[in-house]
C-alpha atoms as a PDB file:
ATOM      1  CA  MET A   1      -0.579  12.768   4.223  1.00  0.00           C
ATOM      2  CA  LYS A   2      -2.126  12.575   0.749  1.00  0.00           C
ATOM      3  CA  LEU A   3      -0.091  11.799  -2.320  1.00  0.00           C
ATOM      4  CA  THR A   4       0.410  14.696  -4.716  1.00  0.00           C
ATOM      5  CA  CYS A   5       1.008  14.254  -8.414  1.00  0.00           C
ATOM      6  CA  VAL A   6       1.575  15.946 -11.746  1.00  0.00           C
ATOM      7  CA  VAL A   7      -0.048  14.580 -14.917  1.00  0.00           C
ATOM      8  CA  VAL A   8       1.877  15.009 -18.181  1.00  0.00           C
ATOM      9  CA  ASP A   9       0.086  14.067 -21.415  1.00  0.00           C
ATOM     10  CA  ASP A  10      -0.349  15.870 -24.723  1.00  0.00           C
ATOM     11  CA  GLU A  11      -4.009  14.763 -24.940  1.00  0.00           C
ATOM     12  CA  PRO A  12      -6.296  17.046 -22.869  1.00  0.00           C
ATOM     13  CA  LEU A  13      -9.052  14.426 -22.626  1.00  0.00           C
ATOM     14  CA  ALA A  14      -6.579  11.831 -21.374  1.00  0.00           C
ATOM     15  CA  ARG A  15      -5.289  14.274 -18.750  1.00  0.00           C
ATOM     16  CA  ALA A  16      -8.806  15.096 -17.606  1.00  0.00           C
ATOM     17  CA  TYR A  17      -9.827  11.429 -17.411  1.00  0.00           C
ATOM     18  CA  LEU A  18      -6.776  10.403 -15.359  1.00  0.00           C
ATOM     19  CA  GLY A  19      -7.158  13.481 -13.173  1.00  0.00           C
ATOM     20  CA  ARG A  20     -10.719  12.495 -12.269  1.00  0.00           C
ATOM     21  CA  LEU A  21      -9.621   8.959 -11.354  1.00  0.00           C
ATOM     22  CA  LEU A  22      -6.770  10.287  -9.220  1.00  0.00           C
ATOM     23  CA  GLN A  23      -8.924  12.787  -7.365  1.00  0.00           C
ATOM     24  CA  ALA A  24     -11.561  10.106  -6.707  1.00  0.00           C
ATOM     25  CA  ALA A  25      -8.760   7.949  -5.244  1.00  0.00           C
ATOM     26  CA  GLY A  26      -7.761  10.735  -2.855  1.00  0.00           C
ATOM     27  CA  VAL A  27      -4.686  11.925  -4.763  1.00  0.00           C
ATOM     28  CA  THR A  28      -4.081  15.676  -5.064  1.00  0.00           C
ATOM     29  CA  VAL A  29      -3.345  16.727  -8.651  1.00  0.00           C
ATOM     30  CA  ALA A  30      -0.873  19.584  -8.239  1.00  0.00           C
ATOM     31  CA  GLY A  31      -0.831  20.397 -11.934  1.00  0.00           C
ATOM     32  CA  GLU A  32      -1.053  19.227 -15.545  1.00  0.00           C
ATOM     33  CA  ALA A  33       1.165  19.723 -18.566  1.00  0.00           C
ATOM     34  CA  GLY A  34       0.897  18.862 -22.243  1.00  0.00           C
ATOM     35  CA  ASP A  35       4.603  18.443 -22.959  1.00  0.00           C
ATOM     36  CA  ALA A  36       7.944  17.943 -21.241  1.00  0.00           C
ATOM     37  CA  ALA A  37       9.056  21.549 -21.681  1.00  0.00           C
ATOM     38  CA  SER A  38       6.179  22.925 -19.597  1.00  0.00           C
ATOM     39  CA  ALA A  39       6.176  19.939 -17.245  1.00  0.00           C
ATOM     40  CA  LEU A  40       9.710  20.454 -15.943  1.00  0.00           C
ATOM     41  CA  PRO A  41       9.149  23.823 -14.190  1.00  0.00           C
ATOM     42  CA  LEU A  42       5.810  22.516 -12.897  1.00  0.00           C
ATOM     43  CA  VAL A  43       7.485  19.502 -11.280  1.00  0.00           C
ATOM     44  CA  LEU A  44      10.315  21.643  -9.887  1.00  0.00           C
ATOM     45  CA  ASN A  45       7.847  24.100  -8.346  1.00  0.00           C
ATOM     46  CA  THR A  46       5.386  21.597  -6.879  1.00  0.00           C
ATOM     47  CA  ALA A  47       7.770  18.724  -5.927  1.00  0.00           C
ATOM     48  CA  PRO A  48       5.046  16.065  -6.337  1.00  0.00           C
ATOM     49  CA  ASP A  49       5.215  12.550  -4.943  1.00  0.00           C
ATOM     50  CA  VAL A  50       4.372  11.066  -8.344  1.00  0.00           C
ATOM     51  CA  VAL A  51       4.571  12.075 -11.999  1.00  0.00           C
ATOM     52  CA  PHE A  52       2.105  10.310 -14.301  1.00  0.00           C
ATOM     53  CA  LEU A  53       3.813  10.548 -17.656  1.00  0.00           C
ATOM     54  CA  ASP A  54       2.773   9.795 -21.220  1.00  0.00           C
ATOM     55  CA  ILE A  55       5.511   8.435 -23.493  1.00  0.00           C
ATOM     56  CA  GLU A  56       4.575   9.538 -27.009  1.00  0.00           C
ATOM     57  CA  MET A  57       4.520  13.351 -26.864  1.00  0.00           C
ATOM     58  CA  PRO A  58       5.668  16.131 -29.232  1.00  0.00           C
ATOM     59  CA  GLY A  59       9.177  17.351 -28.538  1.00  0.00           C
ATOM     60  CA  MET A  60      10.910  15.410 -25.758  1.00  0.00           C
ATOM     61  CA  ASN A  61       9.254  12.057 -25.186  1.00  0.00           C
ATOM     62  CA  GLY A  62       8.328  10.687 -21.769  1.00  0.00           C
ATOM     63  CA  LEU A  63      11.326   8.348 -21.532  1.00  0.00           C
ATOM     64  CA  ASP A  64      13.794  11.186 -22.077  1.00  0.00           C
ATOM     65  CA  PHE A  65      11.865  13.411 -19.682  1.00  0.00           C
ATOM     66  CA  ALA A  66      12.016  10.757 -16.973  1.00  0.00           C
ATOM     67  CA  ARG A  67      15.766  10.571 -17.476  1.00  0.00           C
ATOM     68  CA  GLN A  68      15.961  14.369 -17.141  1.00  0.00           C
ATOM     69  CA  LEU A  69      13.914  14.283 -13.933  1.00  0.00           C
ATOM     70  CA  ARG A  70      16.343  11.849 -12.307  1.00  0.00           C
ATOM     71  CA  GLU A  71      19.119  14.377 -12.837  1.00  0.00           C
ATOM     72  CA  GLN A  72      17.281  17.159 -10.987  1.00  0.00           C
ATOM     73  CA  PRO A  73      18.499  17.667  -7.390  1.00  0.00           C
ATOM     74  CA  GLY A  74      15.794  17.416  -4.758  1.00  0.00           C
ATOM     75  CA  ILE A  75      13.261  15.694  -7.020  1.00  0.00           C
ATOM     76  CA  ASN A  76      12.382  12.251  -5.712  1.00  0.00           C
ATOM     77  CA  ALA A  77       9.059  11.755  -7.463  1.00  0.00           C
ATOM     78  CA  ALA A  78       7.995   8.276  -8.479  1.00  0.00           C
ATOM     79  CA  VAL A  79       7.413   8.006 -12.225  1.00  0.00           C
ATOM     80  CA  VAL A  80       4.425   6.121 -13.586  1.00  0.00           C
ATOM     81  CA  PHE A  81       4.190   5.840 -17.366  1.00  0.00           C
ATOM     82  CA  VAL A  82       0.676   5.997 -18.823  1.00  0.00           C
ATOM     83  CA  THR A  83       0.578   5.038 -22.484  1.00  0.00           C
ATOM     84  CA  GLY A  84      -1.396   3.235 -25.141  1.00  0.00           C
ATOM     85  CA  TYR A  85       1.641   1.263 -26.318  1.00  0.00           C
ATOM     86  CA  SER A  86       2.672  -1.874 -24.435  1.00  0.00           C
ATOM     87  CA  GLU A  87       5.924  -2.231 -26.408  1.00  0.00           C
ATOM     88  CA  HIS A  88       7.486   0.595 -24.355  1.00  0.00           C
ATOM     89  CA  ALA A  89       7.359  -1.375 -21.101  1.00  0.00           C
ATOM     90  CA  VAL A  90      10.987  -2.561 -21.109  1.00  0.00           C
ATOM     91  CA  ASP A  91      12.301   0.929 -21.841  1.00  0.00           C
ATOM     92  CA  ALA A  92       9.991   2.392 -19.202  1.00  0.00           C
ATOM     93  CA  PHE A  93      11.289   0.183 -16.418  1.00  0.00           C
ATOM     94  CA  SER A  94      14.866   0.838 -17.519  1.00  0.00           C
ATOM     95  CA  GLN A  95      14.118   4.414 -16.445  1.00  0.00           C
ATOM     96  CA  GLN A  96      13.322   3.136 -12.922  1.00  0.00           C
ATOM     97  CA  ALA A  97       9.581   3.551 -13.406  1.00  0.00           C
ATOM     98  CA  THR A  98       7.436   2.613 -10.431  1.00  0.00           C
ATOM     99  CA  ASP A  99       4.644   1.344 -12.678  1.00  0.00           C
ATOM    100  CA  TYR A 100       3.396   1.216 -16.256  1.00  0.00           C
ATOM    101  CA  LEU A 101      -0.295   1.782 -17.002  1.00  0.00           C
ATOM    102  CA  LEU A 102      -1.992   1.086 -20.311  1.00  0.00           C
ATOM    103  CA  LYS A 103      -4.717   3.396 -21.567  1.00  0.00           C
ATOM    104  CA  PRO A 104      -7.582   3.458 -20.907  1.00  0.00           C
ATOM    105  CA  VAL A 105      -6.602   3.155 -17.241  1.00  0.00           C
ATOM    106  CA  SER A 106      -9.098   1.275 -15.085  1.00  0.00           C
ATOM    107  CA  ASN A 107      -9.867   2.389 -11.557  1.00  0.00           C
ATOM    108  CA  GLU A 108      -8.806  -1.030 -10.190  1.00  0.00           C
ATOM    109  CA  ARG A 109      -5.432  -0.894 -11.945  1.00  0.00           C
ATOM    110  CA  LEU A 110      -4.837   2.656 -10.742  1.00  0.00           C
ATOM    111  CA  LEU A 111      -5.551   1.627  -7.138  1.00  0.00           C
ATOM    112  CA  GLN A 112      -2.986  -1.175  -7.465  1.00  0.00           C
ATOM    113  CA  CYS A 113      -0.476   1.365  -8.714  1.00  0.00           C
ATOM    114  CA  LEU A 114      -1.161   3.728  -5.804  1.00  0.00           C
ATOM    115  CA  VAL A 115      -0.689   0.889  -3.315  1.00  0.00           C
ATOM    116  CA  ARG A 116       2.683   0.144  -4.909  1.00  0.00           C
ATOM    117  CA  ILE A 117       3.667   3.793  -4.508  1.00  0.00           C
ATOM    118  CA  HIS A 118       2.556   3.866  -0.854  1.00  0.00           C
ATOM    119  CA  ASN A 119       4.531   0.663  -0.184  1.00  0.00           C
ATOM    120  CA  GLN A 120       7.606   2.074  -1.885  1.00  0.00           C
ATOM    121  CA  ARG A 121       7.422   5.259   0.153  1.00  0.00           C
ATOM    122  CA  SER A 122       7.013   3.258   3.373  1.00  0.00           C
ATOM    123  CA  HIS A 123      10.011   1.077   2.496  1.00  0.00           C
ATOM    124  CA  ASN A 124      12.188   4.105   1.744  1.00  0.00           C
ATOM    125  CA  SER A 125      11.149   5.964   4.884  1.00  0.00           C
ATOM    126  CA  ASP A 126      13.787   6.566   7.565  1.00  0.00           C
ATOM    127  CA  ASP A 127      11.176   5.417  10.085  1.00  0.00           C
ATOM    128  CA  HIS A 128      10.898   1.686   9.453  1.00  0.00           C
ATOM    129  CA  ASP A 129       7.737   1.340  11.535  1.00  0.00           C
ATOM    130  CA  ILE A 130       4.687   1.814   9.333  1.00  0.00           C
ATOM    131  CA  GLN A 131       2.252   4.307  10.827  1.00  0.00           C
ATOM    132  CA  ARG A 132      -0.683   3.977   8.418  1.00  0.00           C
ATOM    133  CA  LEU A 133      -2.043   1.198   6.234  1.00  0.00           C
ATOM    134  CA  PRO A 134      -3.687   1.805   2.844  1.00  0.00           C
ATOM    135  CA  VAL A 135      -7.093   0.095   2.520  1.00  0.00           C
ATOM    136  CA  ARG A 136      -9.943   0.202   0.046  1.00  0.00           C
ATOM    137  CA  GLY A 137     -12.590   2.896   0.499  1.00  0.00           C
ATOM    138  CA  LEU A 138     -15.766   3.347  -1.530  1.00  0.00           C
ATOM    139  CA  SER A 139     -13.991   5.250  -4.293  1.00  0.00           C
ATOM    140  CA  ALA A 140     -10.602   6.068  -2.790  1.00  0.00           C
ATOM    141  CA  ILE A 141      -7.679   4.642  -0.885  1.00  0.00           C
ATOM    142  CA  LEU A 142      -7.968   5.279   2.843  1.00  0.00           C
ATOM    143  CA  LEU A 143      -4.939   5.449   5.126  1.00  0.00           C
ATOM    144  CA  VAL A 144      -5.905   3.998   8.504  1.00  0.00           C
ATOM    145  CA  PRO A 145      -3.699   4.210  11.625  1.00  0.00           C
ATOM    146  CA  ILE A 146      -1.845   0.971  12.324  1.00  0.00           C
ATOM    147  CA  SER A 147      -2.368   1.532  16.053  1.00  0.00           C
ATOM    148  CA  ASP A 148      -6.162   1.204  15.570  1.00  0.00           C
ATOM    149  CA  VAL A 149      -6.023  -2.135  13.739  1.00  0.00           C
ATOM    150  CA  VAL A 150      -7.358  -4.968  15.932  1.00  0.00           C
ATOM    151  CA  CYS A 151      -6.908  -7.798  13.441  1.00  0.00           C
ATOM    152  CA  ILE A 152      -6.570  -8.653   9.779  1.00  0.00           C
ATOM    153  CA  THR A 153      -8.542 -11.659   8.613  1.00  0.00           C
ATOM    154  CA  SER A 154      -9.322 -13.469   5.375  1.00  0.00           C
ATOM    155  CA  ARG A 155     -12.672 -14.940   4.458  1.00  0.00           C
ATOM    156  CA  GLU A 156     -14.317 -15.824   1.174  1.00  0.00           C
ATOM    157  CA  LYS A 157     -11.044 -15.121  -0.672  1.00  0.00           C
ATOM    158  CA  LYS A 158     -10.990 -11.510   0.548  1.00  0.00           C
ATOM    159  CA  VAL A 159      -8.900  -9.853   3.260  1.00  0.00           C
ATOM    160  CA  PHE A 160     -10.435  -7.460   5.785  1.00  0.00           C
ATOM    161  CA  VAL A 161      -8.840  -5.030   8.239  1.00  0.00           C
ATOM    162  CA  ARG A 162     -10.893  -4.646  11.437  1.00  0.00           C
ATOM    163  CA  MET A 163     -10.502  -1.441  13.431  1.00  0.00           C
ATOM    164  CA  LYS A 164     -10.996  -0.861  17.158  1.00  0.00           C
ATOM    165  CA  ASP A 165     -14.210   1.079  16.453  1.00  0.00           C
ATOM    166  CA  GLY A 166     -15.667  -2.067  14.849  1.00  0.00           C
ATOM    167  CA  THR A 167     -15.451  -0.919  11.235  1.00  0.00           C
ATOM    168  CA  GLU A 168     -13.916  -3.160   8.576  1.00  0.00           C
ATOM    169  CA  HIS A 169     -12.081  -2.241   5.378  1.00  0.00           C
ATOM    170  CA  ARG A 170     -11.057  -4.363   2.410  1.00  0.00           C
ATOM    171  CA  ALA A 171      -7.304  -4.768   2.310  1.00  0.00           C
ATOM    172  CA  LEU A 172      -5.363  -4.085  -0.868  1.00  0.00           C
ATOM    173  CA  GLN A 173      -2.851  -6.891  -0.271  1.00  0.00           C
ATOM    174  CA  ASN A 174      -3.135 -10.541   0.633  1.00  0.00           C
ATOM    175  CA  LEU A 175      -2.600 -11.862   4.146  1.00  0.00           C
ATOM    176  CA  THR A 176       0.951 -13.073   3.547  1.00  0.00           C
ATOM    177  CA  GLN A 177       2.018  -9.721   2.110  1.00  0.00           C
ATOM    178  CA  LEU A 178       0.510  -7.892   5.090  1.00  0.00           C
ATOM    179  CA  GLU A 179       2.147 -10.314   7.531  1.00  0.00           C
ATOM    180  CA  GLU A 180       5.558  -9.555   6.033  1.00  0.00           C
ATOM    181  CA  ARG A 181       4.971  -5.838   5.760  1.00  0.00           C
ATOM    182  CA  LEU A 182       3.689  -5.405   9.324  1.00  0.00           C
ATOM    183  CA  SER A 183       6.107  -7.712  11.145  1.00  0.00           C
ATOM    184  CA  ARG A 184       8.155  -4.711  12.327  1.00  0.00           C
ATOM    185  CA  ASN A 185       4.983  -3.361  13.939  1.00  0.00           C
ATOM    186  CA  LYS A 186       4.664  -6.547  16.036  1.00  0.00           C
ATOM    187  CA  PHE A 187       1.898  -8.087  13.968  1.00  0.00           C
ATOM    188  CA  ILE A 188       1.979 -11.888  14.003  1.00  0.00           C
ATOM    189  CA  ARG A 189       0.266 -14.628  12.017  1.00  0.00           C
ATOM    190  CA  ILE A 190      -1.655 -16.703  14.585  1.00  0.00           C
ATOM    191  CA  HIS A 191      -3.722 -18.759  12.141  1.00  0.00           C
ATOM    192  CA  GLY A 192      -4.024 -19.355   8.432  1.00  0.00           C
ATOM    193  CA  SER A 193      -6.746 -16.701   8.345  1.00  0.00           C
ATOM    194  CA  TYR A 194      -5.578 -14.221  11.013  1.00  0.00           C
ATOM    195  CA  VAL A 195      -2.794 -11.671  11.448  1.00  0.00           C
ATOM    196  CA  VAL A 196      -3.024  -9.688  14.698  1.00  0.00           C
ATOM    197  CA  PRO A 197      -1.001  -7.039  16.561  1.00  0.00           C
ATOM    198  CA  THR A 198       0.316  -8.389  19.859  1.00  0.00           C
ATOM    199  CA  ASN A 199      -0.670  -5.201  21.690  1.00  0.00           C
ATOM    200  CA  HIS A 200      -4.326  -5.963  20.912  1.00  0.00           C
ATOM    201  CA  ILE A 201      -4.159  -9.411  22.570  1.00  0.00           C
ATOM    202  CA  PRO A 202      -5.122  -9.015  26.250  1.00  0.00           C
ATOM    203  CA  GLU A 203      -5.737 -12.727  26.804  1.00  0.00           C
ATOM    204  CA  LEU A 204      -4.529 -16.116  25.554  1.00  0.00           C
ATOM    205  CA  LEU A 205      -7.091 -18.848  26.198  1.00  0.00           C
ATOM    206  CA  HIS A 206      -6.363 -22.562  26.489  1.00  0.00           C
ATOM    207  CA  LEU A 207      -9.318 -24.681  25.363  1.00  0.00           C
ATOM    208  CA  GLY A 208      -7.828 -28.094  26.044  1.00  0.00           C
ATOM    209  CA  ASN A 209      -6.698 -30.752  23.586  1.00  0.00           C
ATOM    210  CA  HIS A 210      -3.838 -28.525  22.358  1.00  0.00           C
ATOM    211  CA  GLU A 211      -6.285 -25.855  21.182  1.00  0.00           C
ATOM    212  CA  TYR A 212      -5.937 -22.135  21.887  1.00  0.00           C
ATOM    213  CA  GLU A 213      -7.710 -18.884  21.127  1.00  0.00           C
ATOM    214  CA  VAL A 214      -6.900 -15.245  21.769  1.00  0.00           C
ATOM    215  CA  ARG A 215      -9.319 -12.646  23.043  1.00  0.00           C
ATOM    216  CA  LEU A 216      -8.750  -9.419  21.169  1.00  0.00           C
ATOM    217  CA  SER A 217      -9.095  -5.905  22.532  1.00  0.00           C
ATOM    218  CA  ASP A 218     -12.549  -5.507  20.949  1.00  0.00           C
ATOM    219  CA  GLY A 219     -13.792  -8.556  22.867  1.00  0.00           C
ATOM    220  CA  ARG A 220     -13.917 -10.921  19.915  1.00  0.00           C
ATOM    221  CA  ARG A 221     -11.968 -14.157  19.778  1.00  0.00           C
ATOM    222  CA  ALA A 222      -9.681 -15.577  17.123  1.00  0.00           C
ATOM    223  CA  PRO A 223      -8.312 -19.119  16.779  1.00  0.00           C
ATOM    224  CA  VAL A 224      -4.622 -19.943  17.125  1.00  0.00           C
ATOM    225  CA  GLY A 225      -3.196 -22.581  14.775  1.00  0.00           C
ATOM    226  CA  ARG A 226      -1.438 -25.496  16.459  1.00  0.00           C
ATOM    227  CA  THR A 227       1.748 -24.882  14.506  1.00  0.00           C
ATOM    228  CA  ARG A 228       1.740 -21.189  15.476  1.00  0.00           C
ATOM    229  CA  ILE A 229       1.133 -21.332  19.226  1.00  0.00           C
ATOM    230  CA  ASN A 230       4.822 -21.439  20.194  1.00  0.00           C
ATOM    231  CA  ASP A 231       5.644 -18.395  18.050  1.00  0.00           C
ATOM    232  CA  LEU A 232       2.712 -16.564  19.623  1.00  0.00           C
ATOM    233  CA  LYS A 233       3.803 -17.461  23.147  1.00  0.00           C
ATOM    234  CA  ARG A 234       7.300 -16.143  22.456  1.00  0.00           C
ATOM    235  CA  ALA A 235       5.829 -12.930  20.996  1.00  0.00           C
ATOM    236  CA  LEU A 236       3.777 -12.509  24.178  1.00  0.00           C
ATOM    237  CA  GLY A 237       6.781 -13.116  26.431  1.00  0.00           C
ATOM    238  CA  LEU A 238       5.839 -16.703  27.344  1.00  0.00           C
ATOM    239  CA  ASP A 239       9.210 -18.152  26.449  1.00  0.00           C
ATOM    240  CA  ALA A 240       9.400 -21.146  28.828  1.00  0.00           C
ATOM    241  CA  PRO A 241       8.451 -24.558  27.395  1.00  0.00           C
ATOM    242  CA  THR A 242       4.994 -25.581  28.586  1.00  0.00           C
ATOM    243  CA  ARG A 243       2.923 -28.709  28.746  1.00  0.00           C
ATOM    244  CA  ASP A 244      -0.580 -28.768  27.335  1.00  0.00           C
ATOM    245  CA  GLY A 245      -2.945 -27.158  29.839  1.00  0.00           C
ATOM    246  CA  GLU A 246      -0.235 -24.935  31.332  1.00  0.00           C
ATOM    247  CA  PHE A 247       1.181 -21.530  30.421  1.00  0.00           C
END
């Protein structure tokens, strides 16, 4: 499901610019407002996932509006402050802001913010198993099904998510972060450069000399680190101690 948002900023050009970035990133802009007074009914009517909120506005400022939003029953929107003034950061986070963006907002920084929001929503979900993983698309964040991920691998200081159809996507987090986040989904770190789901490992191969590989469900192989083989065996149900050359 796509994120929905409301953009609140007294500058029309700033609203339009952020709106274009959000739409390119796959976020639905449910509405815009130029001040807190008109923003409140808009947020109440649309119940967005996120409110992107300027701080310096005529009338009620963004900090006070964020405080007012928290008092509204049934409104659980994340608040992201978007401002040209870095000195407001401490006050912004005291209002439980999810993020704080400085104008002009870059596409890269906005994508980082959206990943944080997706992660927060996954963490707060009643269903602790993550169903979809945000990855980098050409100009948007894609949400790919966890069940279709064959492996996650790092190379050349980048992390890639490989799908069962053979496509690859750039990850938005590093390998350690993904290992921690996906552990409940039975993903396991088998090597310094590989995190894989155990249900996509049909075969564990012994190569001799204490070396192992796994064959993945797409037919490709991945190495198993010597310090990680015992954890992998336990994850695969091979709990009994073994000698080299035996399973």
